[in-house]
Amino acid sequence: MWLAISLETVFEGGRVPEWLRQFERDPEGALTSLLASGADLGHLQAAEPSTLLWDWLELLRNTEFPQLLDETLAQ
């Protein structure tokens, strides 16, 4: 769980979106389900996937998330 500590810190003990937890476990599967609009995003369900990714990239810019997202998209 490479993002666990970072996620907890970034979200300051608040609710970490489940999709980010899924991405931590299975980046390719999580990204595929998000882009195919099949991801369970809970209270974020109404948001556009690209908007969520952009927001999470900004929020998690100082973690391993941007690099892993880039590598996953490249695959």
Protein backbone atom coordinates (compact mmCIF):
# COMPACT_ATOMS: atom_id res chain seq x y z
CA MET A 1 0.00 0.00 0.00
CA TRP A 2 2.34 2.68 -1.25
CA LEU A 3 -0.27 5.44 -1.12
CA ALA A 4 -1.81 4.61 2.26
CA ILE A 5 0.15 7.02 4.39
CA SER A 6 0.06 9.71 1.72
CA LEU A 7 -3.69 9.35 1.21
CA GLU A 8 -4.39 9.56 4.93
CA THR A 9 -2.19 12.64 5.20
CA VAL A 10 -3.61 14.38 2.13
CA PHE A 11 -7.21 13.73 3.14
CA GLU A 12 -6.37 14.71 6.75
CA GLY A 13 -8.15 11.75 8.30
CA GLY A 14 -11.24 12.37 6.18
CA ARG A 15 -12.87 9.95 3.79
CA VAL A 16 -10.45 8.76 1.12
CA PRO A 17 -12.32 8.07 -2.14
CA GLU A 18 -12.68 4.30 -2.60
CA TRP A 19 -11.51 4.57 -6.21
CA LEU A 20 -8.10 5.75 -4.99
CA ARG A 21 -7.92 2.70 -2.71
CA GLN A 22 -8.81 0.50 -5.68
CA PHE A 23 -6.18 2.24 -7.82
CA GLU A 24 -3.65 1.52 -5.10
CA ARG A 25 -4.46 -2.22 -5.30
CA ASP A 26 -5.08 -2.56 -9.05
CA PRO A 27 -4.11 0.52 -11.08
CA GLU A 28 -5.03 -0.89 -14.49
CA GLY A 29 -8.39 -2.28 -13.39
CA ALA A 30 -9.32 0.89 -11.53
CA LEU A 31 -8.41 3.12 -14.44
CA THR A 32 -10.28 0.95 -16.92
CA SER A 33 -13.43 1.00 -14.80
CA LEU A 34 -13.18 4.78 -14.28
CA LEU A 35 -12.74 5.57 -17.97
CA ALA A 36 -15.51 3.16 -18.96
CA SER A 37 -17.82 4.90 -16.44
CA GLY A 38 -18.14 1.68 -14.48
CA ALA A 39 -16.37 2.78 -11.32
CA ASP A 40 -18.29 3.12 -8.08
CA LEU A 41 -17.42 6.68 -7.09
CA GLY A 42 -19.90 7.04 -4.25
CA HIS A 43 -20.72 10.70 -3.64
CA LEU A 44 -18.44 11.67 -6.56
CA GLN A 45 -20.48 9.66 -9.09
CA ALA A 46 -21.83 12.75 -10.86
CA ALA A 47 -18.35 14.07 -11.64
CA GLU A 48 -16.69 13.53 -15.00
CA PRO A 49 -13.87 10.94 -14.79
CA SER A 50 -11.40 13.30 -16.45
CA THR A 51 -12.25 16.03 -13.93
CA LEU A 52 -11.72 13.65 -11.03
CA LEU A 53 -8.37 12.50 -12.39
CA TRP A 54 -7.24 16.09 -12.85
CA ASP A 55 -8.35 17.01 -9.31
CA TRP A 56 -6.62 13.96 -7.83
CA LEU A 57 -3.46 14.68 -9.81
CA GLU A 58 -3.38 18.17 -8.34
CA LEU A 59 -4.19 17.00 -4.83
CA LEU A 60 -1.74 14.07 -4.92
CA ARG A 61 1.03 15.77 -6.92
CA ASN A 62 3.58 15.14 -4.15
CA THR A 63 2.90 11.40 -3.97
CA GLU A 64 3.61 8.48 -6.27
CA PHE A 65 0.14 8.82 -7.81
CA PRO A 66 1.08 10.95 -10.87
CA GLN A 67 3.88 8.61 -11.89
CA LEU A 68 1.79 5.47 -11.44
CA LEU A 69 -1.12 7.02 -13.33
CA ASP A 70 1.22 7.93 -16.18
CA GLU A 71 2.69 4.43 -16.29
CA THR A 72 -0.78 2.86 -16.19
CA LEU A 73 -2.06 5.09 -19.00
CA ALA A 74 1.02 4.22 -21.08
CA GLN A 75 0.20 0.52 -20.82
